[in-house]
mmCIF file of all heavy atoms, coordinates in Angstrom:
data_MODEL
# 
_entry.id   MODEL 
# 
loop_
_atom_site.group_PDB 
_atom_site.id 
_atom_site.type_symbol 
_atom_site.label_atom_id 
_atom_site.label_alt_id 
_atom_site.label_comp_id 
_atom_site.label_asym_id 
_atom_site.label_entity_id 
_atom_site.label_seq_id 
_atom_site.pdbx_PDB_ins_code 
_atom_site.Cartn_x 
_atom_site.Cartn_y 
_atom_site.Cartn_z 
_atom_site.occupancy 
_atom_site.B_iso_or_equiv 
_atom_site.pdbx_formal_charge 
_atom_site.auth_seq_id 
_atom_site.auth_comp_id 
_atom_site.auth_asym_id 
_atom_site.auth_atom_id 
_atom_site.pdbx_PDB_model_num 
ATOM 1   N N   . GLU A 1 1  ? 30.969 2.387   -8.366  1.00 0.00 ? 1  GLU A N   1 
ATOM 2   C CA  . GLU A 1 1  ? 30.012 1.988   -9.382  1.00 0.00 ? 1  GLU A CA  1 
ATOM 3   C C   . GLU A 1 1  ? 28.572 2.290   -8.980  1.00 0.00 ? 1  GLU A C   1 
ATOM 4   O O   . GLU A 1 1  ? 27.665 2.122   -9.775  1.00 0.00 ? 1  GLU A O   1 
ATOM 5   C CB  . GLU A 1 1  ? 30.156 0.511   -9.723  1.00 0.00 ? 1  GLU A CB  1 
ATOM 6   C CG  . GLU A 1 1  ? 30.148 -0.420  -8.520  1.00 0.00 ? 1  GLU A CG  1 
ATOM 7   C CD  . GLU A 1 1  ? 31.540 -0.802  -8.083  1.00 0.00 ? 1  GLU A CD  1 
ATOM 8   O OE1 . GLU A 1 1  ? 32.437 0.067   -8.043  1.00 0.00 ? 1  GLU A OE1 1 
ATOM 9   O OE2 . GLU A 1 1  ? 31.775 -2.002  -7.769  1.00 0.00 ? 1  GLU A OE2 1 
ATOM 10  N N   . ASP A 1 2  ? 28.344 2.714   -7.746  1.00 0.00 ? 2  ASP A N   1 
ATOM 11  C CA  . ASP A 1 2  ? 27.004 3.184   -7.335  1.00 0.00 ? 2  ASP A CA  1 
ATOM 12  C C   . ASP A 1 2  ? 26.734 4.601   -7.757  1.00 0.00 ? 2  ASP A C   1 
ATOM 13  O O   . ASP A 1 2  ? 25.609 5.084   -7.602  1.00 0.00 ? 2  ASP A O   1 
ATOM 14  C CB  . ASP A 1 2  ? 26.862 3.087   -5.802  1.00 0.00 ? 2  ASP A CB  1 
ATOM 15  C CG  . ASP A 1 2  ? 26.924 1.639   -5.298  1.00 0.00 ? 2  ASP A CG  1 
ATOM 16  O OD1 . ASP A 1 2  ? 26.320 0.765   -5.945  1.00 0.00 ? 2  ASP A OD1 1 
ATOM 17  O OD2 . ASP A 1 2  ? 27.543 1.417   -4.242  1.00 0.00 ? 2  ASP A OD2 1 
ATOM 18  N N   . THR A 1 3  ? 27.713 5.289   -8.292  1.00 0.00 ? 3  THR A N   1 
ATOM 19  C CA  . THR A 1 3  ? 27.544 6.670   -8.754  1.00 0.00 ? 3  THR A CA  1 
ATOM 20  C C   . THR A 1 3  ? 26.503 6.727   -9.853  1.00 0.00 ? 3  THR A C   1 
ATOM 21  O O   . THR A 1 3  ? 26.606 6.035   -10.877 1.00 0.00 ? 3  THR A O   1 
ATOM 22  C CB  . THR A 1 3  ? 28.871 7.247   -9.241  1.00 0.00 ? 3  THR A CB  1 
ATOM 23  O OG1 . THR A 1 3  ? 29.799 7.323   -8.154  1.00 0.00 ? 3  THR A OG1 1 
ATOM 24  C CG2 . THR A 1 3  ? 28.664 8.643   -9.814  1.00 0.00 ? 3  THR A CG2 1 
ATOM 25  N N   . ALA A 1 4  ? 25.468 7.535   -9.652  1.00 0.00 ? 4  ALA A N   1 
ATOM 26  C CA  . ALA A 1 4  ? 24.384 7.656   -10.605 1.00 0.00 ? 4  ALA A CA  1 
ATOM 27  C C   . ALA A 1 4  ? 23.401 8.702   -10.131 1.00 0.00 ? 4  ALA A C   1 
ATOM 28  O O   . ALA A 1 4  ? 23.493 9.178   -8.992  1.00 0.00 ? 4  ALA A O   1 
ATOM 29  C CB  . ALA A 1 4  ? 23.667 6.313   -10.772 1.00 0.00 ? 4  ALA A CB  1 
ATOM 30  N N   . VAL A 1 5  ? 22.461 9.064   -10.986 1.00 0.00 ? 5  VAL A N   1 
ATOM 31  C CA  . VAL A 1 5  ? 21.288 9.811   -10.565 1.00 0.00 ? 5  VAL A CA  1 
ATOM 32  C C   . VAL A 1 5  ? 20.269 8.809   -10.066 1.00 0.00 ? 5  VAL A C   1 
ATOM 33  O O   . VAL A 1 5  ? 19.925 7.852   -10.792 1.00 0.00 ? 5  VAL A O   1 
ATOM 34  C CB  . VAL A 1 5  ? 20.720 10.673  -11.691 1.00 0.00 ? 5  VAL A CB  1 
ATOM 35  C CG1 . VAL A 1 5  ? 19.444 11.383  -11.230 1.00 0.00 ? 5  VAL A CG1 1 
ATOM 36  C CG2 . VAL A 1 5  ? 21.747 11.694  -12.172 1.00 0.00 ? 5  VAL A CG2 1 
ATOM 37  N N   . TYR A 1 6  ? 19.792 9.009   -8.857  1.00 0.00 ? 6  TYR A N   1 
ATOM 38  C CA  . TYR A 1 6  ? 18.818 8.108   -8.259  1.00 0.00 ? 6  TYR A CA  1 
ATOM 39  C C   . TYR A 1 6  ? 17.445 8.722   -8.318  1.00 0.00 ? 6  TYR A C   1 
ATOM 40  O O   . TYR A 1 6  ? 17.232 9.881   -7.979  1.00 0.00 ? 6  TYR A O   1 
ATOM 41  C CB  . TYR A 1 6  ? 19.196 7.809   -6.809  1.00 0.00 ? 6  TYR A CB  1 
ATOM 42  C CG  . TYR A 1 6  ? 20.319 6.813   -6.684  1.00 0.00 ? 6  TYR A CG  1 
ATOM 43  C CD1 . TYR A 1 6  ? 21.610 7.165   -7.064  1.00 0.00 ? 6  TYR A CD1 1 
ATOM 44  C CD2 . TYR A 1 6  ? 20.092 5.516   -6.229  1.00 0.00 ? 6  TYR A CD2 1 
ATOM 45  C CE1 . TYR A 1 6  ? 22.654 6.253   -6.982  1.00 0.00 ? 6  TYR A CE1 1 
ATOM 46  C CE2 . TYR A 1 6  ? 21.135 4.604   -6.128  1.00 0.00 ? 6  TYR A CE2 1 
ATOM 47  C CZ  . TYR A 1 6  ? 22.403 4.968   -6.515  1.00 0.00 ? 6  TYR A CZ  1 
ATOM 48  O OH  . TYR A 1 6  ? 23.432 4.072   -6.402  1.00 0.00 ? 6  TYR A OH  1 
ATOM 49  N N   . TYR A 1 7  ? 16.457 7.940   -8.771  1.00 0.00 ? 7  TYR A N   1 
ATOM 50  C CA  . TYR A 1 7  ? 15.087 8.372   -8.932  1.00 0.00 ? 7  TYR A CA  1 
ATOM 51  C C   . TYR A 1 7  ? 14.162 7.533   -8.056  1.00 0.00 ? 7  TYR A C   1 
ATOM 52  O O   . TYR A 1 7  ? 14.334 6.325   -7.963  1.00 0.00 ? 7  TYR A O   1 
ATOM 53  C CB  . TYR A 1 7  ? 14.611 8.238   -10.388 1.00 0.00 ? 7  TYR A CB  1 
ATOM 54  C CG  . TYR A 1 7  ? 15.406 9.019   -11.407 1.00 0.00 ? 7  TYR A CG  1 
ATOM 55  C CD1 . TYR A 1 7  ? 16.534 8.472   -12.003 1.00 0.00 ? 7  TYR A CD1 1 
ATOM 56  C CD2 . TYR A 1 7  ? 15.001 10.297  -11.769 1.00 0.00 ? 7  TYR A CD2 1 
ATOM 57  C CE1 . TYR A 1 7  ? 17.249 9.183   -12.947 1.00 0.00 ? 7  TYR A CE1 1 
ATOM 58  C CE2 . TYR A 1 7  ? 15.706 11.002  -12.709 1.00 0.00 ? 7  TYR A CE2 1 
ATOM 59  C CZ  . TYR A 1 7  ? 16.847 10.449  -13.291 1.00 0.00 ? 7  TYR A CZ  1 
ATOM 60  O OH  . TYR A 1 7  ? 17.537 11.167  -14.240 1.00 0.00 ? 7  TYR A OH  1 
ATOM 61  N N   . CYS A 1 8  ? 13.174 8.168   -7.441  1.00 0.00 ? 8  CYS A N   1 
ATOM 62  C CA  . CYS A 1 8  ? 12.087 7.398   -6.880  1.00 0.00 ? 8  CYS A CA  1 
ATOM 63  C C   . CYS A 1 8  ? 10.905 7.406   -7.843  1.00 0.00 ? 8  CYS A C   1 
ATOM 64  O O   . CYS A 1 8  ? 10.749 8.317   -8.654  1.00 0.00 ? 8  CYS A O   1 
ATOM 65  C CB  . CYS A 1 8  ? 11.681 7.939   -5.499  1.00 0.00 ? 8  CYS A CB  1 
ATOM 66  S SG  . CYS A 1 8  ? 10.855 9.546   -5.474  1.00 0.00 ? 8  CYS A SG  1 
ATOM 67  N N   . ALA A 1 9  ? 10.109 6.364   -7.769  1.00 0.00 ? 9  ALA A N   1 
ATOM 68  C CA  . ALA A 1 9  ? 8.997  6.190   -8.700  1.00 0.00 ? 9  ALA A CA  1 
ATOM 69  C C   . ALA A 1 9  ? 7.832  5.569   -7.967  1.00 0.00 ? 9  ALA A C   1 
ATOM 70  O O   . ALA A 1 9  ? 8.006  4.863   -6.973  1.00 0.00 ? 9  ALA A O   1 
ATOM 71  C CB  . ALA A 1 9  ? 9.421  5.326   -9.875  1.00 0.00 ? 9  ALA A CB  1 
ATOM 72  N N   . ALA A 1 10 ? 6.623  5.815   -8.468  1.00 0.00 ? 10 ALA A N   1 
ATOM 73  C CA  . ALA A 1 10 ? 5.410  5.298   -7.838  1.00 0.00 ? 10 ALA A CA  1 
ATOM 74  C C   . ALA A 1 10 ? 4.433  4.804   -8.864  1.00 0.00 ? 10 ALA A C   1 
ATOM 75  O O   . ALA A 1 10 ? 4.334  5.326   -9.980  1.00 0.00 ? 10 ALA A O   1 
ATOM 76  C CB  . ALA A 1 10 ? 4.765  6.387   -6.993  1.00 0.00 ? 10 ALA A CB  1 
ATOM 77  N N   . SER A 1 11 ? 3.715  3.767   -8.475  1.00 0.00 ? 11 SER A N   1 
ATOM 78  C CA  . SER A 1 11 ? 2.576  3.265   -9.235  1.00 0.00 ? 11 SER A CA  1 
ATOM 79  C C   . SER A 1 11 ? 1.422  3.095   -8.287  1.00 0.00 ? 11 SER A C   1 
ATOM 80  O O   . SER A 1 11 ? 1.593  2.606   -7.155  1.00 0.00 ? 11 SER A O   1 
ATOM 81  C CB  . SER A 1 11 ? 2.927  1.926   -9.903  1.00 0.00 ? 11 SER A CB  1 
ATOM 82  O OG  . SER A 1 11 ? 1.776  1.391   -10.529 1.00 0.00 ? 11 SER A OG  1 
ATOM 83  N N   . LEU A 1 12 ? 0.225  3.452   -8.728  1.00 0.00 ? 12 LEU A N   1 
ATOM 84  C CA  . LEU A 1 12 ? -0.987 3.279   -7.937  1.00 0.00 ? 12 LEU A CA  1 
ATOM 85  C C   . LEU A 1 12 ? -1.600 1.912   -8.153  1.00 0.00 ? 12 LEU A C   1 
ATOM 86  O O   . LEU A 1 12 ? -2.639 1.603   -7.546  1.00 0.00 ? 12 LEU A O   1 
ATOM 87  C CB  . LEU A 1 12 ? -2.000 4.372   -8.248  1.00 0.00 ? 12 LEU A CB  1 
ATOM 88  C CG  . LEU A 1 12 ? -1.554 5.798   -7.890  1.00 0.00 ? 12 LEU A CG  1 
ATOM 89  C CD1 . LEU A 1 12 ? -2.614 6.793   -8.266  1.00 0.00 ? 12 LEU A CD1 1 
ATOM 90  C CD2 . LEU A 1 12 ? -1.194 5.898   -6.417  1.00 0.00 ? 12 LEU A CD2 1 
ATOM 91  N N   . ARG A 1 13 ? -1.013 1.097   -8.975  1.00 0.00 ? 13 ARG A N   1 
ATOM 92  C CA  . ARG A 1 13 ? -1.418 -0.279  -9.194  1.00 0.00 ? 13 ARG A CA  1 
ATOM 93  C C   . ARG A 1 13 ? -0.202 -1.178  -9.007  1.00 0.00 ? 13 ARG A C   1 
ATOM 94  O O   . ARG A 1 13 ? 0.922  -0.764  -9.341  1.00 0.00 ? 13 ARG A O   1 
ATOM 95  C CB  . ARG A 1 13 ? -2.028 -0.479  -10.573 1.00 0.00 ? 13 ARG A CB  1 
ATOM 96  C CG  . ARG A 1 13 ? -3.346 0.257   -10.776 1.00 0.00 ? 13 ARG A CG  1 
ATOM 97  C CD  . ARG A 1 13 ? -3.913 0.033   -12.145 1.00 0.00 ? 13 ARG A CD  1 
ATOM 98  N NE  . ARG A 1 13 ? -3.088 0.665   -13.169 1.00 0.00 ? 13 ARG A NE  1 
ATOM 99  C CZ  . ARG A 1 13 ? -3.393 0.657   -14.468 1.00 0.00 ? 13 ARG A CZ  1 
ATOM 100 N NH1 . ARG A 1 13 ? -4.493 0.052   -14.885 1.00 0.00 ? 13 ARG A NH1 1 
ATOM 101 N NH2 . ARG A 1 13 ? -2.589 1.253   -15.331 1.00 0.00 ? 13 ARG A NH2 1 
ATOM 102 N N   . LEU A 1 14 ? -0.424 -2.368  -8.514  1.00 0.00 ? 14 LEU A N   1 
ATOM 103 C CA  . LEU A 1 14 ? 0.682  -3.280  -8.251  1.00 0.00 ? 14 LEU A CA  1 
ATOM 104 C C   . LEU A 1 14 ? 1.164  -3.888  -9.550  1.00 0.00 ? 14 LEU A C   1 
ATOM 105 O O   . LEU A 1 14 ? 0.431  -4.655  -10.184 1.00 0.00 ? 14 LEU A O   1 
ATOM 106 C CB  . LEU A 1 14 ? 0.220  -4.365  -7.276  1.00 0.00 ? 14 LEU A CB  1 
ATOM 107 C CG  . LEU A 1 14 ? 1.299  -5.411  -6.893  1.00 0.00 ? 14 LEU A CG  1 
ATOM 108 C CD1 . LEU A 1 14 ? 2.458  -4.746  -6.183  1.00 0.00 ? 14 LEU A CD1 1 
ATOM 109 C CD2 . LEU A 1 14 ? 0.669  -6.471  -6.007  1.00 0.00 ? 14 LEU A CD2 1 
ATOM 110 N N   . PRO A 1 15 ? 2.396  -3.595  -9.959  1.00 0.00 ? 15 PRO A N   1 
ATOM 111 C CA  . PRO A 1 15 ? 2.912  -4.219  -11.188 1.00 0.00 ? 15 PRO A CA  1 
ATOM 112 C C   . PRO A 1 15 ? 3.220  -5.676  -10.982 1.00 0.00 ? 15 PRO A C   1 
ATOM 113 O O   . PRO A 1 15 ? 3.537  -6.105  -9.872  1.00 0.00 ? 15 PRO A O   1 
ATOM 114 C CB  . PRO A 1 15 ? 4.191  -3.409  -11.481 1.00 0.00 ? 15 PRO A CB  1 
ATOM 115 C CG  . PRO A 1 15 ? 4.140  -2.232  -10.576 1.00 0.00 ? 15 PRO A CG  1 
ATOM 116 C CD  . PRO A 1 15 ? 3.351  -2.644  -9.380  1.00 0.00 ? 15 PRO A CD  1 
ATOM 117 N N   . ARG A 1 16 ? 3.152  -6.433  -12.065 1.00 0.00 ? 16 ARG A N   1 
ATOM 118 C CA  . ARG A 1 16 ? 3.580  -7.818  -11.987 1.00 0.00 ? 16 ARG A CA  1 
ATOM 119 C C   . ARG A 1 16 ? 5.087  -7.912  -11.789 1.00 0.00 ? 16 ARG A C   1 
ATOM 120 O O   . ARG A 1 16 ? 5.575  -8.830  -11.150 1.00 0.00 ? 16 ARG A O   1 
ATOM 121 C CB  . ARG A 1 16 ? 3.152  -8.575  -13.261 1.00 0.00 ? 16 ARG A CB  1 
ATOM 122 C CG  . ARG A 1 16 ? 1.668  -8.738  -13.390 1.00 0.00 ? 16 ARG A CG  1 
ATOM 123 C CD  . ARG A 1 16 ? 1.271  -9.545  -14.615 1.00 0.00 ? 16 ARG A CD  1 
ATOM 124 N NE  . ARG A 1 16 ? -0.148 -9.720  -14.722 1.00 0.00 ? 16 ARG A NE  1 
ATOM 125 C CZ  . ARG A 1 16 ? -0.739 -10.383 -15.696 1.00 0.00 ? 16 ARG A CZ  1 
ATOM 126 N NH1 . ARG A 1 16 ? 0.002  -10.932 -16.657 1.00 0.00 ? 16 ARG A NH1 1 
ATOM 127 N NH2 . ARG A 1 16 ? -2.063 -10.501 -15.718 1.00 0.00 ? 16 ARG A NH2 1 
ATOM 128 N N   . SER A 1 17 ? 5.819  -6.969  -12.333 1.00 0.00 ? 17 SER A N   1 
ATOM 129 C CA  . SER A 1 17 ? 7.257  -6.876  -12.123 1.00 0.00 ? 17 SER A CA  1 
ATOM 130 C C   . SER A 1 17 ? 7.590  -5.470  -11.641 1.00 0.00 ? 17 SER A C   1 
ATOM 131 O O   . SER A 1 17 ? 7.401  -4.508  -12.374 1.00 0.00 ? 17 SER A O   1 
ATOM 132 C CB  . SER A 1 17 ? 8.015  -7.197  -13.416 1.00 0.00 ? 17 SER A CB  1 
ATOM 133 O OG  . SER A 1 17 ? 9.398  -7.007  -13.226 1.00 0.00 ? 17 SER A OG  1 
ATOM 134 N N   . VAL A 1 18 ? 8.118  -5.356  -10.442 1.00 0.00 ? 18 VAL A N   1 
ATOM 135 C CA  . VAL A 1 18 ? 8.425  -4.049  -9.883  1.00 0.00 ? 18 VAL A CA  1 
ATOM 136 C C   . VAL A 1 18 ? 9.770  -3.528  -10.372 1.00 0.00 ? 18 VAL A C   1 
ATOM 137 O O   . VAL A 1 18 ? 10.109 -2.388  -10.082 1.00 0.00 ? 18 VAL A O   1 
ATOM 138 C CB  . VAL A 1 18 ? 8.430  -4.096  -8.351  1.00 0.00 ? 18 VAL A CB  1 
ATOM 139 C CG1 . VAL A 1 18 ? 7.046  -4.440  -7.802  1.00 0.00 ? 18 VAL A CG1 1 
ATOM 140 C CG2 . VAL A 1 18 ? 9.468  -5.069  -7.817  1.00 0.00 ? 18 VAL A CG2 1 
ATOM 141 N N   . SER A 1 19 ? 10.525 -4.319  -11.089 1.00 0.00 ? 19 SER A N   1 
ATOM 142 C CA  . SER A 1 19 ? 11.843 -3.945  -11.525 1.00 0.00 ? 19 SER A CA  1 
ATOM 143 C C   . SER A 1 19 ? 11.877 -3.233  -12.882 1.00 0.00 ? 19 SER A C   1 
ATOM 144 O O   . SER A 1 19 ? 12.957 -2.784  -13.317 1.00 0.00 ? 19 SER A O   1 
ATOM 145 C CB  . SER A 1 19 ? 12.765 -5.171  -11.593 1.00 0.00 ? 19 SER A CB  1 
ATOM 146 O OG  . SER A 1 19 ? 12.337 -6.084  -12.566 1.00 0.00 ? 19 SER A OG  1 
ATOM 147 N N   . LEU A 1 20 ? 10.754 -3.101  -13.539 1.00 0.00 ? 20 LEU A N   1 
ATOM 148 C CA  . LEU A 1 20 ? 10.694 -2.489  -14.878 1.00 0.00 ? 20 LEU A CA  1 
ATOM 149 C C   . LEU A 1 20 ? 10.289 -1.036  -14.763 1.00 0.00 ? 20 LEU A C   1 
ATOM 150 O O   . LEU A 1 20 ? 9.229  -0.718  -14.239 1.00 0.00 ? 20 LEU A O   1 
ATOM 151 C CB  . LEU A 1 20 ? 9.703  -3.235  -15.760 1.00 0.00 ? 20 LEU A CB  1 
ATOM 152 C CG  . LEU A 1 20 ? 10.012 -4.708  -16.020 1.00 0.00 ? 20 LEU A CG  1 
ATOM 153 C CD1 . LEU A 1 20 ? 8.907  -5.350  -16.848 1.00 0.00 ? 20 LEU A CD1 1 
ATOM 154 C CD2 . LEU A 1 20 ? 11.354 -4.864  -16.732 1.00 0.00 ? 20 LEU A CD2 1 
ATOM 155 N N   . PRO A 1 21 ? 11.125 -0.115  -15.235 1.00 0.00 ? 21 PRO A N   1 
ATOM 156 C CA  . PRO A 1 21 ? 10.789 1.317   -15.137 1.00 0.00 ? 21 PRO A CA  1 
ATOM 157 C C   . PRO A 1 21 ? 9.471  1.669   -15.789 1.00 0.00 ? 21 PRO A C   1 
ATOM 158 O O   . PRO A 1 21 ? 8.755  2.548   -15.278 1.00 0.00 ? 21 PRO A O   1 
ATOM 159 C CB  . PRO A 1 21 ? 11.969 2.009   -15.860 1.00 0.00 ? 21 PRO A CB  1 
ATOM 160 C CG  . PRO A 1 21 ? 13.093 1.052   -15.756 1.00 0.00 ? 21 PRO A CG  1 
ATOM 161 C CD  . PRO A 1 21 ? 12.461 -0.323  -15.824 1.00 0.00 ? 21 PRO A CD  1 
ATOM 162 N N   . GLY A 1 22 ? 9.104  0.999   -16.881 1.00 0.00 ? 22 GLY A N   1 
ATOM 163 C CA  . GLY A 1 22 ? 7.869  1.304   -17.581 1.00 0.00 ? 22 GLY A CA  1 
ATOM 164 C C   . GLY A 1 22 ? 6.623  1.021   -16.794 1.00 0.00 ? 22 GLY A C   1 
ATOM 165 O O   . GLY A 1 22 ? 5.539  1.448   -17.212 1.00 0.00 ? 22 GLY A O   1 
ATOM 166 N N   . LYS A 1 23 ? 6.715  0.314   -15.695 1.00 0.00 ? 23 LYS A N   1 
ATOM 167 C CA  . LYS A 1 23 ? 5.553  -0.008  -14.873 1.00 0.00 ? 23 LYS A CA  1 
ATOM 168 C C   . LYS A 1 23 ? 5.193  1.113   -13.915 1.00 0.00 ? 23 LYS A C   1 
ATOM 169 O O   . LYS A 1 23 ? 4.144  1.043   -13.264 1.00 0.00 ? 23 LYS A O   1 
ATOM 170 C CB  . LYS A 1 23 ? 5.796  -1.301  -14.090 1.00 0.00 ? 23 LYS A CB  1 
ATOM 171 C CG  . LYS A 1 23 ? 6.043  -2.521  -14.971 1.00 0.00 ? 23 LYS A CG  1 
ATOM 172 C CD  . LYS A 1 23 ? 4.829  -2.826  -15.828 1.00 0.00 ? 23 LYS A CD  1 
ATOM 173 C CE  . LYS A 1 23 ? 5.047  -4.095  -16.633 1.00 0.00 ? 23 LYS A CE  1 
ATOM 174 N NZ  . LYS A 1 23 ? 3.873  -4.418  -17.499 1.00 0.00 ? 23 LYS A NZ  1 
ATOM 175 N N   . TYR A 1 24 ? 5.994  2.131   -13.840 1.00 0.00 ? 24 TYR A N   1 
ATOM 176 C CA  . TYR A 1 24 ? 5.781  3.234   -12.911 1.00 0.00 ? 24 TYR A CA  1 
ATOM 177 C C   . TYR A 1 24 ? 5.279  4.459   -13.654 1.00 0.00 ? 24 TYR A C   1 
ATOM 178 O O   . TYR A 1 24 ? 5.828  4.842   -14.705 1.00 0.00 ? 24 TYR A O   1 
ATOM 179 C CB  . TYR A 1 24 ? 7.054  3.563   -12.133 1.00 0.00 ? 24 TYR A CB  1 
ATOM 180 C CG  . TYR A 1 24 ? 7.479  2.467   -11.209 1.00 0.00 ? 24 TYR A CG  1 
ATOM 181 C CD1 . TYR A 1 24 ? 8.192  1.361   -11.679 1.00 0.00 ? 24 TYR A CD1 1 
ATOM 182 C CD2 . TYR A 1 24 ? 7.152  2.504   -9.874  1.00 0.00 ? 24 TYR A CD2 1 
ATOM 183 C CE1 . TYR A 1 24 ? 8.580  0.342   -10.837 1.00 0.00 ? 24 TYR A CE1 1 
ATOM 184 C CE2 . TYR A 1 24 ? 7.529  1.478   -9.011  1.00 0.00 ? 24 TYR A CE2 1 
ATOM 185 C CZ  . TYR A 1 24 ? 8.248  0.406   -9.503  1.00 0.00 ? 24 TYR A CZ  1 
ATOM 186 O OH  . TYR A 1 24 ? 8.614  -0.610  -8.649  1.00 0.00 ? 24 TYR A OH  1 
ATOM 187 N N   . ASP A 1 25 ? 4.247  5.105   -13.110 1.00 0.00 ? 25 ASP A N   1 
ATOM 188 C CA  . ASP A 1 25 ? 3.605  6.225   -13.759 1.00 0.00 ? 25 ASP A CA  1 
ATOM 189 C C   . ASP A 1 25 ? 4.122  7.579   -13.297 1.00 0.00 ? 25 ASP A C   1 
ATOM 190 O O   . ASP A 1 25 ? 3.978  8.581   -14.001 1.00 0.00 ? 25 ASP A O   1 
ATOM 191 C CB  . ASP A 1 25 ? 2.098  6.177   -13.522 1.00 0.00 ? 25 ASP A CB  1 
ATOM 192 C CG  . ASP A 1 25 ? 1.459  4.916   -14.076 1.00 0.00 ? 25 ASP A CG  1 
ATOM 193 O OD1 . ASP A 1 25 ? 1.757  4.553   -15.230 1.00 0.00 ? 25 ASP A OD1 1 
ATOM 194 O OD2 . ASP A 1 25 ? 0.656  4.276   -13.350 1.00 0.00 ? 25 ASP A OD2 1 
ATOM 195 N N   . TYR A 1 26 ? 4.702  7.627   -12.108 1.00 0.00 ? 26 TYR A N   1 
ATOM 196 C CA  . TYR A 1 26 ? 5.155  8.876   -11.530 1.00 0.00 ? 26 TYR A CA  1 
ATOM 197 C C   . TYR A 1 26 ? 6.605  8.770   -11.104 1.00 0.00 ? 26 TYR A C   1 
ATOM 198 O O   . TYR A 1 26 ? 7.042  7.744   -10.570 1.00 0.00 ? 26 TYR A O   1 
ATOM 199 C CB  . TYR A 1 26 ? 4.263  9.240   -10.316 1.00 0.00 ? 26 TYR A CB  1 
ATOM 200 C CG  . TYR A 1 26 ? 2.811  9.254   -10.640 1.00 0.00 ? 26 TYR A CG  1 
ATOM 201 C CD1 . TYR A 1 26 ? 1.995  8.146   -10.364 1.00 0.00 ? 26 TYR A CD1 1 
ATOM 202 C CD2 . TYR A 1 26 ? 2.204  10.361  -11.235 1.00 0.00 ? 26 TYR A CD2 1 
ATOM 203 C CE1 . TYR A 1 26 ? 0.653  8.170   -10.681 1.00 0.00 ? 26 TYR A CE1 1 
ATOM 204 C CE2 . TYR A 1 26 ? 0.865  10.384  -11.552 1.00 0.00 ? 26 TYR A CE2 1 
ATOM 205 C CZ  . TYR A 1 26 ? 0.084  9.252   -11.257 1.00 0.00 ? 26 TYR A CZ  1 
ATOM 206 O OH  . TYR A 1 26 ? -1.254 9.283   -11.582 1.00 0.00 ? 26 TYR A OH  1 
ATOM 207 N N   . TRP A 1 27 ? 7.334  9.851   -11.336 1.00 0.00 ? 27 TRP A N   1 
ATOM 208 C CA  . TRP A 1 27 ? 8.765  9.888   -11.060 1.00 0.00 ? 27 TRP A CA  1 
ATOM 209 C C   . TRP A 1 27 ? 9.164  11.181  -10.365 1.00 0.00 ? 27 TRP A C   1 
ATOM 210 O O   . TRP A 1 27 ? 8.596  12.238  -10.615 1.00 0.00 ? 27 TRP A O   1 
ATOM 211 C CB  . TRP A 1 27 ? 9.559  9.758   -12.372 1.00 0.00 ? 27 TRP A CB  1 
ATOM 212 C CG  . TRP A 1 27 ? 9.398  8.423   -13.008 1.00 0.00 ? 27 TRP A CG  1 
ATOM 213 C CD1 . TRP A 1 27 ? 8.380  8.002   -13.819 1.00 0.00 ? 27 TRP A CD1 1 
ATOM 214 C CD2 . TRP A 1 27 ? 10.289 7.303   -12.907 1.00 0.00 ? 27 TRP A CD2 1 
ATOM 215 N NE1 . TRP A 1 27 ? 8.588  6.707   -14.205 1.00 0.00 ? 27 TRP A NE1 1 
ATOM 216 C CE2 . TRP A 1 27 ? 9.745  6.264   -13.668 1.00 0.00 ? 27 TRP A CE2 1 
ATOM 217 C CE3 . TRP A 1 27 ? 11.505 7.110   -12.233 1.00 0.00 ? 27 TRP A CE3 1 
ATOM 218 C CZ2 . TRP A 1 27 ? 10.368 5.028   -13.770 1.00 0.00 ? 27 TRP A CZ2 1 
ATOM 219 C CZ3 . TRP A 1 27 ? 12.126 5.867   -12.336 1.00 0.00 ? 27 TRP A CZ3 1 
ATOM 220 C CH2 . TRP A 1 27 ? 11.546 4.844   -13.109 1.00 0.00 ? 27 TRP A CH2 1 
ATOM 221 N N   . GLY A 1 28 ? 10.155 11.059  -9.498  1.00 0.00 ? 28 GLY A N   1 
ATOM 222 C CA  . GLY A 1 28 ? 10.754 12.238  -8.910  1.00 0.00 ? 28 GLY A CA  1 
ATOM 223 C C   . GLY A 1 28 ? 11.746 12.899  -9.841  1.00 0.00 ? 28 GLY A C   1 
ATOM 224 O O   . GLY A 1 28 ? 11.944 12.442  -10.986 1.00 0.00 ? 28 GLY A O   1 
# 
């Protein structure tokens, strides 16, 4: 069940919730 495409993501500001994809501006 771990099978998936894995992405890294970055934000230059600290999100209030780090678990939300929409809080990240940059993606691999």
